[in-house]
Amino acid sequence: MLRVIRYCIILLFLTVVGNLFSQQIYTTELGIHGGGSYFIGDVKTKQFELKKDYGLTFRYLFNQRLSLQTDYNHTSIGGNYAQRFDSLFTAGANLNQQINMLDFSFVFNFLDYGQLDHVLKSSNYSAYLFAGLGIVQQDKINFNNLNFSVPFGIGLKVKLAKRLHLNLQWTHRLMLYDRLEGQDYLDNPLGLNGTNNYNNDQAGTATIGLSYGLFQRNCKCLNYK
């Protein structure tokens, strides 16, 4: 009888350990998003004016807290704007610029995201911070003359189903150049800035999107923290 009990205990232990090491996790996500964009440049921007923004998201999860995220955003700057130095020009600035932005960021979740069965305090939602480096391309600038940005921001991620996630994200980008509007006469019109990097343009996006888990791997849940 004791031998049977011993075998039952061993079998139960092996079953539990097997579940710990065989739970499936999704390490890669692909998604879409849409929302609005704004910019801060060399013209007098209009309050609460947002342009359409849409794009794709790719995310690779190292663990429940850290991931590498790639965001592609397409937006525009268009319309008539008053210039900052009205006395120097007789007309306002008429802008019509298509902008593509590709951001590479490291993401940190505040909570252990994913609700894994054998990870204590894991959650189906988490706020997160991110920062990285971005590439900016404009339709009136040659592809051989790409520019760079520093994207950073905050977001909220919610697990809707086994593979499906809801993403809310705000991104602000510090441009490493001063020609976001695509008009040379707007860049340093007084000739006083020189190489003042603090005068560079800025742009941001606020988006909502969905992402879907693509690839699985066995989770060594005792170490997946």
Protein backbone atom coordinates (compact mmCIF):
# COMPACT_ATOMS: atom_id res chain seq x y z
CA MET A 1 0.00 0.00 0.00
CA LEU A 2 2.79 2.41 0.89
CA ARG A 3 4.45 1.60 -2.43
CA VAL A 4 1.25 2.50 -4.31
CA ILE A 5 0.97 5.80 -2.40
CA ARG A 6 4.62 6.53 -3.15
CA TYR A 7 4.09 5.90 -6.88
CA CYS A 8 0.98 8.11 -6.86
CA ILE A 9 2.91 10.94 -5.22
CA ILE A 10 5.74 10.62 -7.75
CA LEU A 11 3.25 10.57 -10.64
CA LEU A 12 1.48 13.67 -9.28
CA PHE A 13 4.81 15.47 -8.87
CA LEU A 14 5.89 14.64 -12.42
CA THR A 15 2.51 15.82 -13.76
CA VAL A 16 2.77 19.17 -11.96
CA VAL A 17 6.37 19.71 -13.05
CA GLY A 18 5.43 18.77 -16.61
CA ASN A 19 2.69 21.39 -16.61
CA LEU A 20 5.10 23.98 -15.29
CA PHE A 21 7.50 23.40 -18.14
CA SER A 22 5.00 22.78 -20.94
CA GLN A 23 2.73 25.81 -20.66
CA GLN A 24 2.62 27.63 -23.98
CA ILE A 25 3.45 31.33 -24.26
CA TYR A 26 3.31 33.65 -27.27
CA THR A 27 6.58 35.48 -27.78
CA THR A 28 5.78 37.45 -30.93
CA GLU A 29 2.88 39.79 -31.68
CA LEU A 30 1.79 41.60 -34.84
CA GLY A 31 -0.88 44.27 -34.81
CA ILE A 32 -2.49 47.34 -36.33
CA HIS A 33 -3.29 50.71 -34.80
CA GLY A 34 -4.86 54.04 -35.62
CA GLY A 35 -5.42 57.42 -34.03
CA GLY A 36 -4.22 60.99 -34.29
CA SER A 37 -0.93 62.88 -34.58
CA TYR A 38 0.37 66.36 -33.78
CA PHE A 39 3.57 68.29 -34.37
CA ILE A 40 5.53 71.16 -32.84
CA GLY A 41 7.64 73.00 -35.39
CA ASP A 42 8.47 76.35 -36.92
CA VAL A 43 4.88 77.50 -37.46
CA LYS A 44 2.13 78.46 -35.05
CA THR A 45 0.30 75.16 -34.59
CA LYS A 46 -3.42 75.11 -33.94
CA GLN A 47 -4.66 73.94 -30.57
CA PHE A 48 -6.14 70.44 -30.43
CA GLU A 49 -5.53 69.84 -34.14
CA LEU A 50 -4.90 66.17 -34.87
CA LYS A 51 -4.15 64.49 -38.19
CA LYS A 52 -5.02 60.90 -39.04
CA ASP A 53 -2.40 58.35 -38.09
CA TYR A 54 -2.30 54.62 -38.76
CA GLY A 55 0.26 51.86 -38.86
CA LEU A 56 1.61 48.50 -37.72
CA THR A 57 3.14 47.14 -34.52
CA PHE A 58 5.57 44.26 -34.07
CA ARG A 59 6.54 43.10 -30.60
CA TYR A 60 9.00 40.45 -29.40
CA LEU A 61 8.65 39.45 -25.74
CA PHE A 62 11.78 38.55 -23.81
CA ASN A 63 9.70 37.90 -20.69
CA GLN A 64 6.60 39.25 -18.96
CA ARG A 65 8.25 42.58 -18.18
CA LEU A 66 10.57 43.36 -21.10
CA SER A 67 9.99 43.41 -24.83
CA LEU A 68 11.33 44.90 -28.04
CA GLN A 69 8.74 46.87 -30.00
CA THR A 70 8.73 48.21 -33.56
CA ASP A 71 6.06 50.74 -34.56
CA TYR A 72 5.38 52.05 -38.05
CA ASN A 73 3.23 55.19 -38.31
CA HIS A 74 2.00 57.06 -41.38
CA THR A 75 0.61 60.56 -40.88
CA SER A 76 0.64 64.00 -42.50
CA ILE A 77 1.10 67.71 -41.90
CA GLY A 78 -1.27 69.77 -44.01
CA GLY A 79 -3.09 73.07 -44.10
CA ASN A 80 -2.45 76.78 -43.78
CA TYR A 81 -0.49 77.96 -40.76
CA ALA A 82 0.57 81.32 -39.44
CA GLN A 83 4.33 81.77 -39.17
CA ARG A 84 6.07 82.50 -35.92
CA PHE A 85 7.66 85.67 -37.37
CA ASP A 86 4.71 87.35 -39.08
CA SER A 87 6.57 90.61 -39.72
CA LEU A 88 9.16 88.82 -41.91
CA PHE A 89 6.75 87.26 -44.39
CA THR A 90 3.74 88.46 -46.33
CA ALA A 91 1.94 85.12 -46.39
CA GLY A 92 1.39 82.18 -44.09
CA ALA A 93 2.85 78.73 -44.55
CA ASN A 94 0.92 76.25 -46.69
CA LEU A 95 2.04 72.76 -45.71
CA ASN A 96 1.36 69.44 -47.41
CA GLN A 97 3.69 66.76 -46.12
CA GLN A 98 3.31 62.98 -45.81
CA ILE A 99 5.40 61.50 -43.00
CA ASN A 100 6.49 57.90 -42.31
CA MET A 101 7.96 57.09 -38.90
CA LEU A 102 9.59 53.81 -37.85
CA ASP A 103 10.36 53.47 -34.13
CA PHE A 104 12.45 50.82 -32.36
CA SER A 105 11.86 50.79 -28.60
CA PHE A 106 12.50 48.79 -25.46
CA VAL A 107 9.34 48.34 -23.40
CA PHE A 108 9.03 47.84 -19.64
CA ASN A 109 5.74 46.55 -18.17
CA PHE A 110 4.90 47.60 -14.63
CA LEU A 111 3.19 44.23 -14.00
CA ASP A 112 3.99 40.64 -14.99
CA TYR A 113 1.81 40.64 -18.10
CA GLY A 114 0.12 37.55 -19.45
CA GLN A 115 -1.75 35.86 -16.57
CA LEU A 116 0.36 32.71 -16.53
CA ASP A 117 -1.06 30.04 -14.26
CA HIS A 118 2.16 29.40 -12.36
CA VAL A 119 3.48 32.95 -12.05
CA LEU A 120 2.23 34.72 -8.95
CA LYS A 121 0.74 38.18 -9.40
CA SER A 122 0.77 37.97 -13.19
CA SER A 123 -1.95 40.09 -14.77
CA ASN A 124 -4.08 40.40 -17.89
CA TYR A 125 -3.34 44.12 -18.07
CA SER A 126 -0.35 46.38 -17.48
CA ALA A 127 0.78 49.95 -18.01
CA TYR A 128 4.19 50.31 -19.64
CA LEU A 129 6.96 52.76 -20.48
CA PHE A 130 9.13 52.73 -23.58
CA ALA A 131 11.95 54.62 -25.28
CA GLY A 132 14.22 54.06 -28.25
CA LEU A 133 15.40 55.38 -31.61
CA GLY A 134 13.35 56.17 -34.70
CA ILE A 135 13.72 56.80 -38.44
CA VAL A 136 11.69 59.50 -40.21
CA GLN A 137 11.03 59.72 -43.96
CA GLN A 138 9.05 62.49 -45.69
CA ASP A 139 7.56 62.48 -49.20
CA LYS A 140 9.44 65.61 -50.22
CA ILE A 141 12.76 64.35 -48.92
CA ASN A 142 14.77 61.72 -50.78
CA PHE A 143 14.94 58.22 -49.25
CA ASN A 144 18.71 58.59 -49.23
CA ASN A 145 18.33 61.45 -46.75
CA LEU A 146 16.55 59.76 -43.85
CA ASN A 147 16.35 61.53 -40.51
CA PHE A 148 16.26 60.28 -36.94
CA SER A 149 14.18 60.80 -33.84
CA VAL A 150 14.06 59.79 -30.17
CA PRO A 151 10.63 58.27 -29.40
CA PHE A 152 9.37 57.72 -25.85
CA GLY A 153 6.02 57.41 -24.15
CA ILE A 154 3.53 55.42 -22.10
CA GLY A 155 0.87 52.84 -22.86
CA LEU A 156 -1.66 50.37 -21.53
CA LYS A 157 -1.95 46.77 -22.69
CA VAL A 158 -4.97 44.53 -22.02
CA LYS A 159 -5.26 40.82 -22.81
CA LEU A 160 -8.66 40.26 -24.44
CA ALA A 161 -8.25 36.60 -25.35
CA LYS A 162 -5.59 33.89 -25.50
CA ARG A 163 -3.83 35.57 -28.44
CA LEU A 164 -5.57 38.95 -28.74
CA HIS A 165 -4.37 42.15 -27.04
CA LEU A 166 -5.69 45.72 -26.84
CA ASN A 167 -3.03 48.46 -26.94
CA LEU A 168 -3.44 52.12 -25.97
CA GLN A 169 -0.30 54.19 -26.57
CA TRP A 170 0.96 57.78 -26.54
CA THR A 171 4.30 58.44 -28.25
CA HIS A 172 6.24 61.71 -28.36
CA ARG A 173 9.22 62.07 -30.68
CA LEU A 174 12.11 64.49 -30.38
CA MET A 175 13.34 65.01 -33.92
CA LEU A 176 17.08 65.17 -34.46
CA TYR A 177 16.57 67.70 -37.25
CA ASP A 178 14.59 70.90 -37.91
CA ARG A 179 12.79 70.35 -41.21
CA LEU A 180 9.64 68.41 -40.36
CA GLU A 181 7.44 70.80 -42.36
CA GLY A 182 9.53 70.26 -45.49
CA GLN A 183 9.94 73.99 -46.15
CA ASP A 184 13.46 75.42 -46.14
CA TYR A 185 12.37 79.00 -45.44
CA LEU A 186 10.77 77.91 -42.15
CA ASP A 187 14.02 76.44 -40.84
CA ASN A 188 15.81 79.16 -38.89
CA PRO A 189 14.42 82.16 -40.83
CA LEU A 190 16.30 84.71 -38.71
CA GLY A 191 19.63 82.93 -39.05
CA LEU A 192 20.08 83.03 -35.29
CA ASN A 193 19.80 79.39 -34.29
CA GLY A 194 22.95 78.05 -35.90
CA THR A 195 23.33 74.45 -34.77
CA ASN A 196 21.00 74.84 -31.80
CA ASN A 197 19.61 71.33 -31.35
CA TYR A 198 17.02 72.60 -28.89
CA ASN A 199 15.20 74.22 -31.81
CA ASN A 200 14.49 70.87 -33.50
CA ASP A 201 10.94 69.85 -34.35
CA GLN A 202 8.77 67.42 -32.39
CA ALA A 203 5.91 65.09 -33.27
CA GLY A 204 3.60 62.78 -31.39
CA THR A 205 0.87 60.18 -31.83
CA ALA A 206 -1.98 58.82 -29.71
CA THR A 207 -3.25 55.46 -30.94
CA ILE A 208 -5.45 52.50 -30.12
CA GLY A 209 -4.80 49.11 -31.66
CA LEU A 210 -5.03 45.33 -31.58
CA SER A 211 -2.19 42.81 -31.68
CA TYR A 212 -2.25 39.07 -32.18
CA GLY A 213 0.12 36.42 -30.79
CA LEU A 214 1.82 34.47 -33.56
CA PHE A 215 4.52 32.11 -32.31
CA GLN A 216 4.57 29.80 -29.32
CA ARG A 217 7.25 28.25 -27.20
CA ASN A 218 7.20 26.14 -24.07
CA CYS A 219 7.39 28.27 -20.98
CA LYS A 220 9.83 27.39 -18.24
CA CYS A 221 7.53 29.20 -15.90
CA LEU A 222 9.73 28.86 -12.85
CA ASN A 223 12.27 31.07 -14.64
CA TYR A 224 9.88 33.18 -16.71
CA LYS A 225 9.81 36.21 -14.44
